[in-house]
Amino acid sequence: MNHSHHDDDFEDDYYDEEDLPPSKSSRKRAMEALQQLGKRLTELKADQLTQLPLTDRLHEAIHTYNKIGSHEAKRRQLQFIGKLMRDVDEEEVRSFLDKFDLGSVQKAAEHHRLERWRESLISEGDQAVTEFMNQYPNTEAQHLRQLIRAAQKDMTENKNRGAAKKLYRYLKEVVDDA
């Protein structure tokens, strides 16, 4: 019996790529990706976390992570979170996180817009007040002017009594109500 004869039915690509178990390095990359996703979850506020489709164990693990002080313990807890992340729908979690990110980009843009309004109201006076009131007719003119005067006084006296902050809060209130 000659075993050296090549069997033509046996094809070289007998083992398809998909049939092979994932390589150790690709498993490691997948775990690191889940850990990174888990790390992003630890940075969310509690009310954002409740909106995500996470298991109770994962919620608990994230809560624990945020209470840990030690760097090494945090690292181990993050590995545990990464392991628990295997049980969640990664795409669903990513899409939630993308929505939160978009929300924070929009919030940052609104914050900068309000800061610019505040600066121009303090430095330019009446012209800026007129422009603001044209854009936001729901503004109480007298209240706005009082807040501006207080902020200007704080600036000229080089004191911080919170007037600029009060002005900002009022502008935010007016813009949010518009």
N, C-alpha and C. Protein backbone atom coordinates (compact mmCIF):
# COMPACT_ATOMS: atom_id res chain seq x y z
N MET A 1 0.84 -1.19 0.00
CA MET A 1 0.00 0.00 0.00
C MET A 1 0.88 1.24 0.00
N ASN A 2 0.64 2.10 -0.93
CA ASN A 2 1.47 3.29 -1.06
C ASN A 2 0.75 4.49 -0.47
N HIS A 3 1.21 5.00 0.67
CA HIS A 3 0.56 6.14 1.33
C HIS A 3 1.03 7.48 0.80
N SER A 4 2.07 7.49 -0.02
CA SER A 4 2.61 8.75 -0.52
C SER A 4 1.75 9.34 -1.64
N HIS A 5 0.82 8.54 -2.16
CA HIS A 5 0.01 9.03 -3.29
C HIS A 5 -0.93 10.15 -2.81
N HIS A 6 -0.98 11.24 -3.59
CA HIS A 6 -1.76 12.43 -3.23
C HIS A 6 -3.23 12.22 -3.58
N ASP A 7 -4.09 12.41 -2.61
CA ASP A 7 -5.53 12.24 -2.86
C ASP A 7 -6.08 13.53 -3.45
N ASP A 8 -6.53 13.52 -4.69
CA ASP A 8 -7.00 14.73 -5.38
C ASP A 8 -8.29 15.28 -4.77
N ASP A 9 -9.04 14.44 -4.09
CA ASP A 9 -10.28 14.91 -3.48
C ASP A 9 -10.01 15.80 -2.28
N PHE A 10 -8.84 15.64 -1.70
CA PHE A 10 -8.48 16.42 -0.52
C PHE A 10 -7.96 17.79 -0.98
N GLU A 11 -8.73 18.84 -0.72
CA GLU A 11 -8.32 20.16 -1.23
C GLU A 11 -7.44 20.87 -0.20
N ASP A 12 -6.56 21.73 -0.71
CA ASP A 12 -5.64 22.46 0.16
C ASP A 12 -6.38 23.36 1.14
N ASP A 13 -7.50 23.92 0.69
CA ASP A 13 -8.23 24.85 1.58
C ASP A 13 -9.29 24.10 2.38
N TYR A 14 -8.98 22.84 2.74
CA TYR A 14 -9.90 22.02 3.52
C TYR A 14 -10.33 22.74 4.79
N TYR A 15 -9.35 23.40 5.46
CA TYR A 15 -9.68 24.18 6.65
C TYR A 15 -10.01 25.59 6.22
N ASP A 16 -11.25 25.91 6.25
CA ASP A 16 -11.67 27.27 5.91
C ASP A 16 -11.29 28.21 7.05
N GLU A 17 -10.98 29.46 6.73
CA GLU A 17 -10.62 30.45 7.76
C GLU A 17 -11.68 30.48 8.87
N GLU A 18 -12.95 30.43 8.47
CA GLU A 18 -14.03 30.57 9.46
C GLU A 18 -14.10 29.39 10.41
N ASP A 19 -13.60 28.22 9.98
CA ASP A 19 -13.65 27.03 10.83
C ASP A 19 -12.61 27.06 11.93
N LEU A 20 -11.55 27.84 11.73
CA LEU A 20 -10.47 27.89 12.71
C LEU A 20 -10.90 28.72 13.91
N PRO A 21 -10.49 28.30 15.10
CA PRO A 21 -10.79 29.15 16.26
C PRO A 21 -10.02 30.47 16.12
N PRO A 22 -10.56 31.56 16.69
CA PRO A 22 -9.85 32.84 16.56
C PRO A 22 -8.47 32.74 17.20
N SER A 23 -7.50 33.41 16.61
CA SER A 23 -6.14 33.36 17.15
C SER A 23 -6.11 34.02 18.52
N LYS A 24 -5.08 33.69 19.27
CA LYS A 24 -4.95 34.24 20.62
C LYS A 24 -4.89 35.78 20.56
N SER A 25 -4.16 36.31 19.56
CA SER A 25 -4.04 37.77 19.48
C SER A 25 -5.37 38.43 19.08
N SER A 26 -6.16 37.76 18.23
CA SER A 26 -7.45 38.38 17.87
C SER A 26 -8.44 38.31 19.05
N ARG A 27 -8.35 37.22 19.86
CA ARG A 27 -9.18 37.15 21.07
C ARG A 27 -8.78 38.25 22.04
N LYS A 28 -7.46 38.49 22.15
CA LYS A 28 -6.95 39.51 23.05
C LYS A 28 -7.43 40.90 22.59
N ARG A 29 -7.38 41.14 21.26
CA ARG A 29 -7.85 42.43 20.73
C ARG A 29 -9.34 42.62 21.02
N ALA A 30 -10.12 41.55 20.85
CA ALA A 30 -11.56 41.63 21.11
C ALA A 30 -11.81 41.95 22.59
N MET A 31 -11.06 41.30 23.49
CA MET A 31 -11.21 41.55 24.93
C MET A 31 -10.82 42.99 25.28
N GLU A 32 -9.73 43.47 24.66
CA GLU A 32 -9.30 44.85 24.93
C GLU A 32 -10.34 45.85 24.44
N ALA A 33 -10.96 45.53 23.30
CA ALA A 33 -12.01 46.42 22.78
C ALA A 33 -13.19 46.46 23.75
N LEU A 34 -13.57 45.30 24.27
CA LEU A 34 -14.67 45.26 25.25
C LEU A 34 -14.29 46.01 26.53
N GLN A 35 -13.01 45.89 26.94
CA GLN A 35 -12.55 46.61 28.14
C GLN A 35 -12.63 48.12 27.92
N GLN A 36 -12.21 48.56 26.71
CA GLN A 36 -12.27 49.99 26.40
C GLN A 36 -13.72 50.49 26.43
N LEU A 37 -14.61 49.67 25.87
CA LEU A 37 -16.03 50.01 25.89
C LEU A 37 -16.52 50.08 27.33
N GLY A 38 -16.09 49.10 28.14
CA GLY A 38 -16.44 49.09 29.56
C GLY A 38 -15.90 50.32 30.27
N LYS A 39 -14.69 50.74 29.92
CA LYS A 39 -14.07 51.94 30.52
C LYS A 39 -14.94 53.17 30.22
N ARG A 40 -15.43 53.25 28.98
CA ARG A 40 -16.31 54.39 28.62
C ARG A 40 -17.58 54.36 29.48
N LEU A 41 -18.08 53.16 29.76
CA LEU A 41 -19.28 53.05 30.58
C LEU A 41 -19.04 53.58 31.99
N THR A 42 -17.81 53.39 32.52
CA THR A 42 -17.51 53.85 33.88
C THR A 42 -17.48 55.37 33.97
N GLU A 43 -17.39 56.04 32.81
CA GLU A 43 -17.33 57.51 32.78
C GLU A 43 -18.71 58.15 32.66
N LEU A 44 -19.74 57.32 32.49
CA LEU A 44 -21.10 57.86 32.33
C LEU A 44 -21.70 58.25 33.68
N LYS A 45 -22.68 59.14 33.61
CA LYS A 45 -23.43 59.50 34.81
C LYS A 45 -24.44 58.39 35.09
N ALA A 46 -24.89 58.28 36.33
CA ALA A 46 -25.80 57.21 36.75
C ALA A 46 -27.08 57.19 35.88
N ASP A 47 -27.64 58.37 35.58
CA ASP A 47 -28.89 58.39 34.79
C ASP A 47 -28.65 57.93 33.36
N GLN A 48 -27.45 58.12 32.84
CA GLN A 48 -27.14 57.63 31.49
C GLN A 48 -27.01 56.11 31.52
N LEU A 49 -26.35 55.60 32.57
CA LEU A 49 -26.15 54.15 32.69
C LEU A 49 -27.47 53.39 32.72
N THR A 50 -28.47 53.97 33.40
CA THR A 50 -29.75 53.27 33.51
C THR A 50 -30.45 53.14 32.16
N GLN A 51 -30.06 53.97 31.19
CA GLN A 51 -30.69 53.90 29.86
C GLN A 51 -30.10 52.79 29.00
N LEU A 52 -28.96 52.25 29.44
CA LEU A 52 -28.28 51.23 28.64
C LEU A 52 -28.77 49.83 28.95
N PRO A 53 -28.76 48.96 27.93
CA PRO A 53 -29.21 47.58 28.12
C PRO A 53 -28.10 46.73 28.74
N LEU A 54 -27.83 46.92 30.04
CA LEU A 54 -26.76 46.20 30.72
C LEU A 54 -27.32 45.23 31.75
N THR A 55 -26.55 44.18 32.03
CA THR A 55 -26.97 43.23 33.06
C THR A 55 -26.79 43.87 34.43
N ASP A 56 -27.49 43.34 35.42
CA ASP A 56 -27.36 43.86 36.80
C ASP A 56 -25.93 43.71 37.29
N ARG A 57 -25.30 42.56 36.97
CA ARG A 57 -23.91 42.33 37.40
C ARG A 57 -22.98 43.39 36.83
N LEU A 58 -23.24 43.77 35.57
CA LEU A 58 -22.38 44.78 34.94
C LEU A 58 -22.60 46.15 35.58
N HIS A 59 -23.87 46.49 35.84
CA HIS A 59 -24.17 47.75 36.56
C HIS A 59 -23.41 47.79 37.88
N GLU A 60 -23.49 46.68 38.60
CA GLU A 60 -22.84 46.57 39.91
C GLU A 60 -21.32 46.71 39.79
N ALA A 61 -20.75 46.05 38.78
CA ALA A 61 -19.30 46.09 38.56
C ALA A 61 -18.84 47.51 38.24
N ILE A 62 -19.62 48.24 37.46
CA ILE A 62 -19.28 49.63 37.11
C ILE A 62 -19.35 50.50 38.36
N HIS A 63 -20.41 50.30 39.14
CA HIS A 63 -20.58 51.05 40.39
C HIS A 63 -19.38 50.81 41.31
N THR A 64 -18.98 49.55 41.43
CA THR A 64 -17.83 49.18 42.27
C THR A 64 -16.55 49.84 41.75
N TYR A 65 -16.36 49.80 40.43
CA TYR A 65 -15.17 50.40 39.81
C TYR A 65 -15.04 51.87 40.22
N ASN A 66 -16.16 52.57 40.19
CA ASN A 66 -16.13 54.01 40.50
C ASN A 66 -15.86 54.31 41.98
N LYS A 67 -16.00 53.29 42.84
CA LYS A 67 -15.72 53.51 44.26
C LYS A 67 -14.28 53.14 44.62
N ILE A 68 -13.60 52.41 43.72
CA ILE A 68 -12.25 51.92 44.01
C ILE A 68 -11.23 53.05 43.87
N GLY A 69 -10.28 53.11 44.81
CA GLY A 69 -9.25 54.14 44.75
C GLY A 69 -7.94 53.63 44.16
N SER A 70 -7.59 52.38 44.46
CA SER A 70 -6.30 51.83 44.06
C SER A 70 -6.22 51.59 42.55
N HIS A 71 -5.11 52.02 41.95
CA HIS A 71 -4.91 51.88 40.50
C HIS A 71 -4.96 50.40 40.09
N GLU A 72 -4.26 49.56 40.84
CA GLU A 72 -4.19 48.14 40.50
C GLU A 72 -5.57 47.48 40.63
N ALA A 73 -6.30 47.82 41.68
CA ALA A 73 -7.64 47.25 41.87
C ALA A 73 -8.57 47.72 40.75
N LYS A 74 -8.42 48.97 40.34
CA LYS A 74 -9.22 49.51 39.23
C LYS A 74 -8.92 48.73 37.94
N ARG A 75 -7.63 48.44 37.72
CA ARG A 75 -7.24 47.71 36.52
C ARG A 75 -7.90 46.32 36.50
N ARG A 76 -7.85 45.64 37.64
CA ARG A 76 -8.46 44.31 37.73
C ARG A 76 -9.98 44.38 37.54
N GLN A 77 -10.59 45.40 38.16
CA GLN A 77 -12.04 45.56 38.04
C GLN A 77 -12.43 45.83 36.59
N LEU A 78 -11.58 46.59 35.89
CA LEU A 78 -11.84 46.88 34.47
C LEU A 78 -11.77 45.60 33.64
N GLN A 79 -10.85 44.71 34.00
CA GLN A 79 -10.78 43.41 33.30
C GLN A 79 -12.06 42.62 33.54
N PHE A 80 -12.56 42.68 34.77
CA PHE A 80 -13.80 41.99 35.12
C PHE A 80 -14.97 42.59 34.32
N ILE A 81 -15.00 43.92 34.24
CA ILE A 81 -16.05 44.60 33.45
C ILE A 81 -15.97 44.13 32.00
N GLY A 82 -14.73 44.07 31.47
CA GLY A 82 -14.54 43.61 30.10
C GLY A 82 -15.11 42.21 29.89
N LYS A 83 -14.90 41.35 30.90
CA LYS A 83 -15.41 39.98 30.83
C LYS A 83 -16.94 39.99 30.83
N LEU A 84 -17.54 40.82 31.70
CA LEU A 84 -19.02 40.90 31.76
C LEU A 84 -19.59 41.51 30.47
N MET A 85 -18.78 42.31 29.79
CA MET A 85 -19.24 42.95 28.55
C MET A 85 -19.54 41.92 27.45
N ARG A 86 -19.00 40.70 27.60
CA ARG A 86 -19.28 39.66 26.60
C ARG A 86 -20.77 39.35 26.52
N ASP A 87 -21.49 39.63 27.63
CA ASP A 87 -22.91 39.29 27.69
C ASP A 87 -23.84 40.40 27.18
N VAL A 88 -23.26 41.51 26.73
CA VAL A 88 -24.12 42.59 26.25
C VAL A 88 -24.03 42.72 24.73
N ASP A 89 -25.02 43.37 24.15
CA ASP A 89 -25.03 43.63 22.72
C ASP A 89 -24.12 44.83 22.46
N GLU A 90 -22.90 44.53 22.02
CA GLU A 90 -21.87 45.55 21.86
C GLU A 90 -22.33 46.70 20.94
N GLU A 91 -22.98 46.36 19.83
CA GLU A 91 -23.42 47.39 18.89
C GLU A 91 -24.46 48.32 19.51
N GLU A 92 -25.38 47.73 20.27
CA GLU A 92 -26.42 48.52 20.91
C GLU A 92 -25.79 49.50 21.91
N VAL A 93 -24.83 49.00 22.70
CA VAL A 93 -24.14 49.85 23.68
C VAL A 93 -23.39 50.97 22.96
N ARG A 94 -22.68 50.61 21.86
CA ARG A 94 -21.94 51.63 21.09
C ARG A 94 -22.88 52.71 20.56
N SER A 95 -24.04 52.31 20.06
CA SER A 95 -24.95 53.31 19.49
C SER A 95 -25.49 54.24 20.58
N PHE A 96 -25.73 53.70 21.79
CA PHE A 96 -26.12 54.54 22.92
C PHE A 96 -25.02 55.54 23.25
N LEU A 97 -23.78 55.05 23.32
CA LEU A 97 -22.65 55.91 23.65
C LEU A 97 -22.47 57.01 22.60
N ASP A 98 -22.68 56.66 21.33
CA ASP A 98 -22.57 57.66 20.27
C ASP A 98 -23.60 58.76 20.45
N LYS A 99 -24.82 58.38 20.86
CA LYS A 99 -25.86 59.39 21.11
C LYS A 99 -25.46 60.31 22.25
N PHE A 100 -24.89 59.70 23.34
CA PHE A 100 -24.44 60.51 24.48
C PHE A 100 -23.34 61.47 24.03
N ASP A 101 -22.38 60.96 23.21
CA ASP A 101 -21.28 61.80 22.73
C ASP A 101 -21.82 62.96 21.91
N LEU A 102 -22.77 62.67 21.02
CA LEU A 102 -23.37 63.72 20.20
C LEU A 102 -24.04 64.75 21.10
N GLY A 103 -24.73 64.26 22.13
CA GLY A 103 -25.39 65.16 23.08
C GLY A 103 -24.39 66.06 23.76
N SER A 104 -23.23 65.52 24.14
CA SER A 104 -22.25 66.35 24.85
C SER A 104 -21.60 67.36 23.91
N VAL A 105 -21.46 67.00 22.63
CA VAL A 105 -20.94 67.95 21.64
C VAL A 105 -21.92 69.11 21.50
N GLN A 106 -23.21 68.78 21.41
CA GLN A 106 -24.22 69.83 21.28
C GLN A 106 -24.28 70.69 22.54
N LYS A 107 -24.15 70.06 23.71
CA LYS A 107 -24.16 70.82 24.97
C LYS A 107 -22.97 71.76 25.03
N ALA A 108 -21.80 71.29 24.60
CA ALA A 108 -20.60 72.13 24.61
C ALA A 108 -20.79 73.33 23.68
N ALA A 109 -21.37 73.10 22.52
CA ALA A 109 -21.60 74.19 21.56
C ALA A 109 -22.56 75.22 22.17
N GLU A 110 -23.62 74.74 22.83
CA GLU A 110 -24.58 75.65 23.46
C GLU A 110 -23.90 76.45 24.58
N HIS A 111 -23.07 75.76 25.36
CA HIS A 111 -22.35 76.41 26.46
C HIS A 111 -21.47 77.56 25.91
N HIS A 112 -20.75 77.29 24.81
CA HIS A 112 -19.89 78.32 24.23
C HIS A 112 -20.71 79.50 23.69
N ARG A 113 -21.85 79.17 23.10
CA ARG A 113 -22.73 80.23 22.57
C ARG A 113 -23.21 81.13 23.71
N LEU A 114 -23.61 80.51 24.84
CA LEU A 114 -24.08 81.28 25.99
C LEU A 114 -22.95 82.12 26.60
N GLU A 115 -21.75 81.55 26.64
CA GLU A 115 -20.60 82.31 27.16
C GLU A 115 -20.32 83.53 26.30
N ARG A 116 -20.41 83.34 24.97
CA ARG A 116 -20.19 84.49 24.06
C ARG A 116 -21.25 85.56 24.28
N TRP A 117 -22.52 85.15 24.46
CA TRP A 117 -23.59 86.11 24.74
C TRP A 117 -23.26 86.87 26.03
N ARG A 118 -22.89 86.13 27.06
CA ARG A 118 -22.61 86.75 28.35
C ARG A 118 -21.48 87.78 28.21
N GLU A 119 -20.40 87.39 27.53
CA GLU A 119 -19.27 88.32 27.34
C GLU A 119 -19.71 89.58 26.60
N SER A 120 -20.46 89.40 25.51
CA SER A 120 -20.86 90.59 24.74
C SER A 120 -21.87 91.44 25.51
N LEU A 121 -22.74 90.82 26.29
CA LEU A 121 -23.70 91.60 27.09
C LEU A 121 -22.96 92.43 28.15
N ILE A 122 -21.91 91.86 28.75
CA ILE A 122 -21.15 92.58 29.77
C ILE A 122 -20.31 93.69 29.14
N SER A 123 -19.67 93.40 28.00
CA SER A 123 -18.74 94.38 27.44
C SER A 123 -19.38 95.37 26.47
N GLU A 124 -20.43 94.99 25.76
CA GLU A 124 -21.01 95.88 24.74
C GLU A 124 -22.26 96.62 25.19
N GLY A 125 -22.86 96.18 26.29
CA GLY A 125 -24.01 96.89 26.83
C GLY A 125 -25.26 96.86 25.98
N ASP A 126 -25.88 98.07 25.79
CA ASP A 126 -27.21 98.19 25.18
C ASP A 126 -27.37 97.52 23.82
N GLN A 127 -26.36 97.67 22.96
CA GLN A 127 -26.47 97.08 21.62
C GLN A 127 -26.64 95.56 21.72
N ALA A 128 -25.84 94.94 22.58
CA ALA A 128 -25.92 93.49 22.77
C ALA A 128 -27.26 93.10 23.40
N VAL A 129 -27.73 93.93 24.35
CA VAL A 129 -29.02 93.65 25.00
C VAL A 129 -30.13 93.66 23.94
N THR A 130 -30.11 94.66 23.07
CA THR A 130 -31.11 94.75 22.00
C THR A 130 -31.05 93.52 21.09
N GLU A 131 -29.84 93.13 20.69
CA GLU A 131 -29.68 91.95 19.83
C GLU A 131 -30.22 90.70 20.53
N PHE A 132 -29.87 90.53 21.80
CA PHE A 132 -30.31 89.35 22.54
C PHE A 132 -31.83 89.33 22.64
N MET A 133 -32.40 90.48 22.95
CA MET A 133 -33.87 90.54 23.11
C MET A 133 -34.60 90.36 21.79
N ASN A 134 -33.98 90.77 20.69
CA ASN A 134 -34.59 90.51 19.37
C ASN A 134 -34.61 89.01 19.10
N GLN A 135 -33.54 88.35 19.50
CA GLN A 135 -33.46 86.91 19.26
C GLN A 135 -34.31 86.13 20.26
N TYR A 136 -34.39 86.63 21.50
CA TYR A 136 -35.15 85.95 22.56
C TYR A 136 -36.15 86.91 23.19
N PRO A 137 -37.30 87.10 22.54
CA PRO A 137 -38.30 88.07 23.02
C PRO A 137 -38.87 87.72 24.40
N ASN A 138 -38.67 86.49 24.88
CA ASN A 138 -39.20 86.09 26.19
C ASN A 138 -38.32 86.60 27.34
N THR A 139 -37.30 87.40 27.03
CA THR A 139 -36.37 87.92 28.05
C THR A 139 -37.04 89.03 28.86
N GLU A 140 -36.81 89.02 30.18
CA GLU A 140 -37.25 90.13 31.03
C GLU A 140 -36.14 91.18 31.01
N ALA A 141 -36.39 92.27 30.29
CA ALA A 141 -35.35 93.29 30.05
C ALA A 141 -34.76 93.84 31.35
N GLN A 142 -35.63 94.19 32.29
CA GLN A 142 -35.16 94.81 33.53
C GLN A 142 -34.26 93.85 34.31
N HIS A 143 -34.70 92.61 34.42
CA HIS A 143 -33.93 91.59 35.13
C HIS A 143 -32.56 91.37 34.45
N LEU A 144 -32.59 91.27 33.12
CA LEU A 144 -31.36 91.07 32.36
C LEU A 144 -30.38 92.23 32.63
N ARG A 145 -30.90 93.47 32.57
CA ARG A 145 -30.02 94.64 32.78
C ARG A 145 -29.43 94.66 34.20
N GLN A 146 -30.24 94.25 35.20
CA GLN A 146 -29.73 94.19 36.58
C GLN A 146 -28.58 93.18 36.68
N LEU A 147 -28.78 92.04 36.07
CA LEU A 147 -27.74 91.00 36.10
C LEU A 147 -26.46 91.47 35.40
N ILE A 148 -26.63 92.16 34.27
CA ILE A 148 -25.47 92.68 33.53
C ILE A 148 -24.73 93.72 34.38
N ARG A 149 -25.48 94.65 34.99
CA ARG A 149 -24.84 95.69 35.83
C ARG A 149 -24.06 95.05 36.98
N ALA A 150 -24.64 94.04 37.62
CA ALA A 150 -23.96 93.36 38.73
C ALA A 150 -22.67 92.69 38.24
N ALA A 151 -22.73 92.05 37.07
CA ALA A 151 -21.54 91.38 36.51
C ALA A 151 -20.47 92.42 36.15
N GLN A 152 -20.91 93.56 35.59
CA GLN A 152 -19.96 94.63 35.25
C GLN A 152 -19.29 95.18 36.51
N LYS A 153 -20.09 95.35 37.57
CA LYS A 153 -19.58 95.87 38.84
C LYS A 153 -18.53 94.90 39.42
N ASP A 154 -18.84 93.60 39.38
CA ASP A 154 -17.88 92.59 39.84
C ASP A 154 -16.56 92.72 39.08
N MET A 155 -16.68 92.92 37.76
CA MET A 155 -15.46 93.02 36.95
C MET A 155 -14.65 94.27 37.28
N THR A 156 -15.33 95.42 37.37
CA THR A 156 -14.59 96.66 37.63
C THR A 156 -13.97 96.67 39.02
N GLU A 157 -14.64 96.04 39.98
CA GLU A 157 -14.10 95.99 41.34
C GLU A 157 -13.19 94.77 41.54
N ASN A 158 -13.02 94.00 40.43
CA ASN A 158 -12.16 92.81 40.46
C ASN A 158 -12.56 91.84 41.58
N LYS A 159 -13.87 91.68 41.75
CA LYS A 159 -14.39 90.77 42.76
C LYS A 159 -15.25 89.72 42.07
N ASN A 160 -15.31 88.55 42.66
CA ASN A 160 -16.18 87.52 42.12
C ASN A 160 -17.28 87.21 43.13
N ARG A 161 -18.41 87.85 42.94
CA ARG A 161 -19.56 87.61 43.83
C ARG A 161 -20.60 86.74 43.14
N GLY A 162 -20.21 86.11 42.03
CA GLY A 162 -21.12 85.19 41.34
C GLY A 162 -22.10 85.85 40.39
N ALA A 163 -21.92 87.13 40.11
CA ALA A 163 -22.86 87.83 39.23
C ALA A 163 -22.78 87.30 37.80
N ALA A 164 -21.58 87.03 37.32
CA ALA A 164 -21.42 86.51 35.96
C ALA A 164 -22.09 85.14 35.84
N LYS A 165 -21.97 84.36 36.89
CA LYS A 165 -22.59 83.03 36.91
C LYS A 165 -24.12 83.15 36.89
N LYS A 166 -24.64 84.09 37.68
CA LYS A 166 -26.10 84.32 37.71
C LYS A 166 -26.59 84.76 36.34
N LEU A 167 -25.81 85.64 35.69
CA LEU A 167 -26.16 86.11 34.34
C LEU A 167 -26.19 84.92 33.38
N TYR A 168 -25.18 84.07 33.45
CA TYR A 168 -25.11 82.89 32.59
C TYR A 168 -26.34 82.00 32.80
N ARG A 169 -26.67 81.74 34.08
CA ARG A 169 -27.82 80.89 34.39
C ARG A 169 -29.11 81.47 33.81
N TYR A 170 -29.26 82.80 33.93
CA TYR A 170 -30.47 83.44 33.40
C TYR A 170 -30.51 83.30 31.87
N LEU A 171 -29.37 83.53 31.22
CA LEU A 171 -29.33 83.40 29.75
C LEU A 171 -29.70 81.97 29.34
N LYS A 172 -29.19 80.99 30.08
CA LYS A 172 -29.49 79.59 29.79
C LYS A 172 -30.99 79.32 29.93
N GLU A 173 -31.56 79.87 30.99
CA GLU A 173 -32.99 79.71 31.25
C GLU A 173 -33.80 80.30 30.09
N VAL A 174 -33.44 81.50 29.66
CA VAL A 174 -34.16 82.18 28.57
C VAL A 174 -34.03 81.38 27.27
N VAL A 175 -32.80 80.96 26.96
CA VAL A 175 -32.57 80.21 25.72
C VAL A 175 -33.29 78.87 25.75
N ASP A 176 -33.25 78.17 26.90
CA ASP A 176 -33.93 76.87 27.02
C ASP A 176 -35.45 77.01 26.87
N ASP A 177 -35.99 78.12 27.39
CA ASP A 177 -37.45 78.33 27.31
C ASP A 177 -37.91 78.76 25.91
N ALA A 178 -36.96 79.31 25.14
CA ALA A 178 -37.35 79.85 23.81
C ALA A 178 -37.77 78.75 22.86
